[in-house]
């Protein structure tokens, strides 16, 4: 089993609309920040590992 998490390139508009409709902007922000942290971690691992092309 792989530990790699893949995110789609496009956000699901319906999911975002539900977060905003339920006044759940803080939860949406938390999810987006977690995704950004993961992206930076992956980039950092690639730079340290020397696999960046």
PDB file of N, CA and C in Angstrom:
ATOM      1  N   UNK A   1       0.834  -1.171   0.000  1.00  0.00           N
ATOM      2  CA  UNK A   1       0.000   0.000   0.000  1.00  0.00           C
ATOM      3  C   UNK A   1       0.886   1.244   0.000  1.00  0.00           C
ATOM      4  N   UNK A   2       0.508   2.207  -0.791  1.00  0.00           N
ATOM      5  CA  UNK A   2       1.290   3.424  -0.945  1.00  0.00           C
ATOM      6  C   UNK A   2       0.904   4.460   0.116  1.00  0.00           C
ATOM      7  N   UNK A   3       1.879   5.239   0.545  1.00  0.00           N
ATOM      8  CA  UNK A   3       1.627   6.327   1.494  1.00  0.00           C
ATOM      9  C   UNK A   3       1.414   7.649   0.779  1.00  0.00           C
ATOM     10  N   UNK A   4       1.433   7.634  -0.543  1.00  0.00           N
ATOM     11  CA  UNK A   4       1.288   8.859  -1.324  1.00  0.00           C
ATOM     12  C   UNK A   4      -0.184   9.247  -1.400  1.00  0.00           C
ATOM     13  N   UNK A   5      -0.464  10.485  -1.055  1.00  0.00           N
ATOM     14  CA  UNK A   5      -1.819  11.017  -1.137  1.00  0.00           C
ATOM     15  C   UNK A   5      -1.896  11.896  -2.366  1.00  0.00           C
ATOM     16  N   UNK A   6      -2.880  11.635  -3.207  1.00  0.00           N
ATOM     17  CA  UNK A   6      -3.034  12.434  -4.415  1.00  0.00           C
ATOM     18  C   UNK A   6      -4.243  13.352  -4.256  1.00  0.00           C
ATOM     19  N   UNK A   7      -4.047  14.602  -4.599  1.00  0.00           N
ATOM     20  CA  UNK A   7      -5.118  15.579  -4.570  1.00  0.00           C
ATOM     21  C   UNK A   7      -5.469  15.940  -6.002  1.00  0.00           C
ATOM     22  N   UNK A   8      -6.767  16.108  -6.249  1.00  0.00           N
ATOM     23  CA  UNK A   8      -7.143  16.531  -7.591  1.00  0.00           C
ATOM     24  C   UNK A   8      -6.725  17.975  -7.776  1.00  0.00           C
ATOM     25  N   UNK A   9      -6.457  18.359  -8.995  1.00  0.00           N
ATOM     26  CA  UNK A   9      -6.007  19.709  -9.274  1.00  0.00           C
ATOM     27  C   UNK A   9      -7.088  20.746  -9.130  1.00  0.00           C
ATOM     28  N   UNK A  10      -8.347  20.308  -9.193  1.00  0.00           N
ATOM     29  CA  UNK A  10      -9.458  21.248  -9.134  1.00  0.00           C
ATOM     30  C   UNK A  10     -10.303  20.981  -7.893  1.00  0.00           C
ATOM     31  N   UNK A  11     -10.605  22.024  -7.132  1.00  0.00           N
ATOM     32  CA  UNK A  11     -11.448  21.812  -5.953  1.00  0.00           C
ATOM     33  C   UNK A  11     -12.866  21.454  -6.377  1.00  0.00           C
ATOM     34  N   UNK A  12     -13.522  20.682  -5.554  1.00  0.00           N
ATOM     35  CA  UNK A  12     -14.900  20.315  -5.805  1.00  0.00           C
ATOM     36  C   UNK A  12     -15.781  21.492  -5.401  1.00  0.00           C
ATOM     37  N   UNK A  13     -16.368  22.156  -6.379  1.00  0.00           N
ATOM     38  CA  UNK A  13     -17.165  23.354  -6.113  1.00  0.00           C
ATOM     39  C   UNK A  13     -18.324  23.068  -5.173  1.00  0.00           C
ATOM     40  N   UNK A  14     -18.960  21.897  -5.311  1.00  0.00           N
ATOM     41  CA  UNK A  14     -20.090  21.564  -4.457  1.00  0.00           C
ATOM     42  C   UNK A  14     -19.648  21.417  -3.000  1.00  0.00           C
ATOM     43  N   UNK A  15     -18.491  20.800  -2.778  1.00  0.00           N
ATOM     44  CA  UNK A  15     -17.992  20.625  -1.411  1.00  0.00           C
ATOM     45  C   UNK A  15     -17.665  21.980  -0.789  1.00  0.00           C
ATOM     46  N   UNK A  16     -17.041  22.852  -1.553  1.00  0.00           N
ATOM     47  CA  UNK A  16     -16.713  24.193  -1.048  1.00  0.00           C
ATOM     48  C   UNK A  16     -17.995  24.964  -0.737  1.00  0.00           C
ATOM     49  N   UNK A  17     -18.986  24.852  -1.617  1.00  0.00           N
ATOM     50  CA  UNK A  17     -20.259  25.545  -1.390  1.00  0.00           C
ATOM     51  C   UNK A  17     -20.928  25.056  -0.107  1.00  0.00           C
ATOM     52  N   UNK A  18     -20.840  23.745   0.181  1.00  0.00           N
ATOM     53  CA  UNK A  18     -21.433  23.217   1.410  1.00  0.00           C
ATOM     54  C   UNK A  18     -20.734  23.769   2.648  1.00  0.00           C
ATOM     55  N   UNK A  19     -19.410  23.850   2.605  1.00  0.00           N
ATOM     56  CA  UNK A  19     -18.683  24.431   3.735  1.00  0.00           C
ATOM     57  C   UNK A  19     -19.112  25.870   3.966  1.00  0.00           C
ATOM     58  N   UNK A  20     -19.231  26.639   2.897  1.00  0.00           N
ATOM     59  CA  UNK A  20     -19.595  28.042   3.023  1.00  0.00           C
ATOM     60  C   UNK A  20     -21.049  28.207   3.433  1.00  0.00           C
ATOM     61  N   UNK A  21     -21.931  27.347   2.915  1.00  0.00           N
ATOM     62  CA  UNK A  21     -23.350  27.400   3.254  1.00  0.00           C
ATOM     63  C   UNK A  21     -23.557  27.132   4.743  1.00  0.00           C
ATOM     64  N   UNK A  22     -22.802  26.202   5.285  1.00  0.00           N
ATOM     65  CA  UNK A  22     -22.929  25.846   6.695  1.00  0.00           C
ATOM     66  C   UNK A  22     -22.110  26.767   7.591  1.00  0.00           C
ATOM     67  N   UNK A  23     -21.608  27.858   7.022  1.00  0.00           N
ATOM     68  CA  UNK A  23     -20.766  28.810   7.755  1.00  0.00           C
ATOM     69  C   UNK A  23     -19.602  28.087   8.429  1.00  0.00           C
ATOM     70  N   UNK A  24     -18.957  27.232   7.634  1.00  0.00           N
ATOM     71  CA  UNK A  24     -17.878  26.396   8.131  1.00  0.00           C
ATOM     72  C   UNK A  24     -16.556  26.825   7.500  1.00  0.00           C
ATOM     73  N   UNK A  25     -16.363  28.124   7.371  1.00  0.00           N
ATOM     74  CA  UNK A  25     -15.159  28.652   6.735  1.00  0.00           C
ATOM     75  C   UNK A  25     -13.884  28.262   7.465  1.00  0.00           C
ATOM     76  N   UNK A  26     -13.956  28.165   8.793  1.00  0.00           N
ATOM     77  CA  UNK A  26     -12.760  27.775   9.551  1.00  0.00           C
ATOM     78  C   UNK A  26     -12.333  26.352   9.218  1.00  0.00           C
ATOM     79  N   UNK A  27     -13.295  25.458   9.085  1.00  0.00           N
ATOM     80  CA  UNK A  27     -12.991  24.061   8.744  1.00  0.00           C
ATOM     81  C   UNK A  27     -12.383  23.999   7.339  1.00  0.00           C
ATOM     82  N   UNK A  28     -12.950  24.747   6.407  1.00  0.00           N
ATOM     83  CA  UNK A  28     -12.420  24.788   5.044  1.00  0.00           C
ATOM     84  C   UNK A  28     -10.999  25.330   5.047  1.00  0.00           C
ATOM     85  N   UNK A  29     -10.748  26.374   5.818  1.00  0.00           N
ATOM     86  CA  UNK A  29      -9.399  26.935   5.917  1.00  0.00           C
ATOM     87  C   UNK A  29      -8.423  25.902   6.467  1.00  0.00           C
ATOM     88  N   UNK A  30      -8.845  25.161   7.496  1.00  0.00           N
ATOM     89  CA  UNK A  30      -7.989  24.117   8.072  1.00  0.00           C
ATOM     90  C   UNK A  30      -7.624  23.062   7.034  1.00  0.00           C
ATOM     91  N   UNK A  31      -8.594  22.649   6.228  1.00  0.00           N
ATOM     92  CA  UNK A  31      -8.344  21.641   5.194  1.00  0.00           C
ATOM     93  C   UNK A  31      -7.368  22.177   4.154  1.00  0.00           C
ATOM     94  N   UNK A  32      -7.568  23.420   3.739  1.00  0.00           N
ATOM     95  CA  UNK A  32      -6.688  24.019   2.728  1.00  0.00           C
ATOM     96  C   UNK A  32      -5.270  24.206   3.259  1.00  0.00           C
ATOM     97  N   UNK A  33      -5.136  24.619   4.513  1.00  0.00           N
ATOM     98  CA  UNK A  33      -3.815  24.790   5.113  1.00  0.00           C
ATOM     99  C   UNK A  33      -3.111  23.441   5.234  1.00  0.00           C
ATOM    100  N   UNK A  34      -3.841  22.398   5.634  1.00  0.00           N
ATOM    101  CA  UNK A  34      -3.252  21.054   5.719  1.00  0.00           C
ATOM    102  C   UNK A  34      -2.764  20.585   4.351  1.00  0.00           C
ATOM    103  N   UNK A  35      -3.545  20.851   3.306  1.00  0.00           N
ATOM    104  CA  UNK A  35      -3.145  20.456   1.955  1.00  0.00           C
ATOM    105  C   UNK A  35      -1.900  21.225   1.513  1.00  0.00           C
ATOM    106  N   UNK A  36      -1.835  22.501   1.850  1.00  0.00           N
ATOM    107  CA  UNK A  36      -0.672  23.308   1.496  1.00  0.00           C
ATOM    108  C   UNK A  36       0.571  22.849   2.255  1.00  0.00           C
ATOM    109  N   UNK A  37       0.410  22.541   3.538  1.00  0.00           N
ATOM    110  CA  UNK A  37       1.528  22.002   4.322  1.00  0.00           C
ATOM    111  C   UNK A  37       2.048  20.708   3.713  1.00  0.00           C
ATOM    112  N   UNK A  38       1.144  19.842   3.289  1.00  0.00           N
ATOM    113  CA  UNK A  38       1.540  18.572   2.675  1.00  0.00           C
ATOM    114  C   UNK A  38       2.283  18.818   1.362  1.00  0.00           C
ATOM    115  N   UNK A  39       1.813  19.782   0.579  1.00  0.00           N
ATOM    116  CA  UNK A  39       2.480  20.100  -0.679  1.00  0.00           C
ATOM    117  C   UNK A  39       3.899  20.608  -0.427  1.00  0.00           C
ATOM    118  N   UNK A  40       4.063  21.478   0.565  1.00  0.00           N
ATOM    119  CA  UNK A  40       5.404  21.980   0.900  1.00  0.00           C
ATOM    120  C   UNK A  40       6.304  20.866   1.430  1.00  0.00           C
ATOM    121  N   UNK A  41       5.734  19.931   2.193  1.00  0.00           N
ATOM    122  CA  UNK A  41       6.518  18.808   2.702  1.00  0.00           C
ATOM    123  C   UNK A  41       7.019  17.946   1.549  1.00  0.00           C
ATOM    124  N   UNK A  42       6.148  17.698   0.590  1.00  0.00           N
ATOM    125  CA  UNK A  42       6.537  16.898  -0.579  1.00  0.00           C
ATOM    126  C   UNK A  42       7.636  17.604  -1.362  1.00  0.00           C
ATOM    127  N   UNK A  43       7.482  18.902  -1.579  1.00  0.00           N
ATOM    128  CA  UNK A  43       8.509  19.663  -2.303  1.00  0.00           C
ATOM    129  C   UNK A  43       9.821  19.652  -1.543  1.00  0.00           C
ATOM    130  N   UNK A  44       9.763  19.796  -0.244  1.00  0.00           N
ATOM    131  CA  UNK A  44      10.959  19.777   0.575  1.00  0.00           C
ATOM    132  C   UNK A  44      11.664  18.423   0.492  1.00  0.00           C
ATOM    133  N   UNK A  45      10.876  17.343   0.569  1.00  0.00           N
ATOM    134  CA  UNK A  45      11.445  16.000   0.448  1.00  0.00           C
ATOM    135  C   UNK A  45      12.106  15.806  -0.915  1.00  0.00           C
ATOM    136  N   UNK A  46      11.489  16.343  -1.965  1.00  0.00           N
ATOM    137  CA  UNK A  46      12.074  16.227  -3.303  1.00  0.00           C
ATOM    138  C   UNK A  46      13.373  16.989  -3.417  1.00  0.00           C
ATOM    139  N   UNK A  47      13.439  18.176  -2.814  1.00  0.00           N
ATOM    140  CA  UNK A  47      14.669  18.972  -2.878  1.00  0.00           C
ATOM    141  C   UNK A  47      15.799  18.304  -2.102  1.00  0.00           C
ATOM    142  N   UNK A  48      15.490  17.768  -0.928  1.00  0.00           N
ATOM    143  CA  UNK A  48      16.501  17.096  -0.112  1.00  0.00           C
ATOM    144  C   UNK A  48      16.954  15.816  -0.783  1.00  0.00           C
ATOM    145  N   UNK A  49      16.023  15.101  -1.406  1.00  0.00           N
ATOM    146  CA  UNK A  49      16.320  13.829  -2.047  1.00  0.00           C
ATOM    147  C   UNK A  49      17.024  13.996  -3.382  1.00  0.00           C
ATOM    148  N   UNK A  50      17.039  15.198  -3.913  1.00  0.00           N
ATOM    149  CA  UNK A  50      17.708  15.459  -5.178  1.00  0.00           C
ATOM    150  C   UNK A  50      16.958  14.940  -6.398  1.00  0.00           C
ATOM    151  N   UNK A  51      15.673  14.682  -6.243  1.00  0.00           N
ATOM    152  CA  UNK A  51      14.925  14.145  -7.385  1.00  0.00           C
ATOM    153  C   UNK A  51      14.193  15.202  -8.174  1.00  0.00           C
ATOM    154  N   UNK A  52      14.437  16.462  -7.863  1.00  0.00           N
ATOM    155  CA  UNK A  52      13.809  17.549  -8.586  1.00  0.00           C
ATOM    156  C   UNK A  52      14.459  17.668  -9.957  1.00  0.00           C
ATOM    157  N   UNK A  53      13.656  17.737 -10.994  1.00  0.00           N
ATOM    158  CA  UNK A  53      14.186  17.812 -12.376  1.00  0.00           C
ATOM    159  C   UNK A  53      14.360  19.233 -12.811  1.00  0.00           C
TER     160      UNK A  53
END
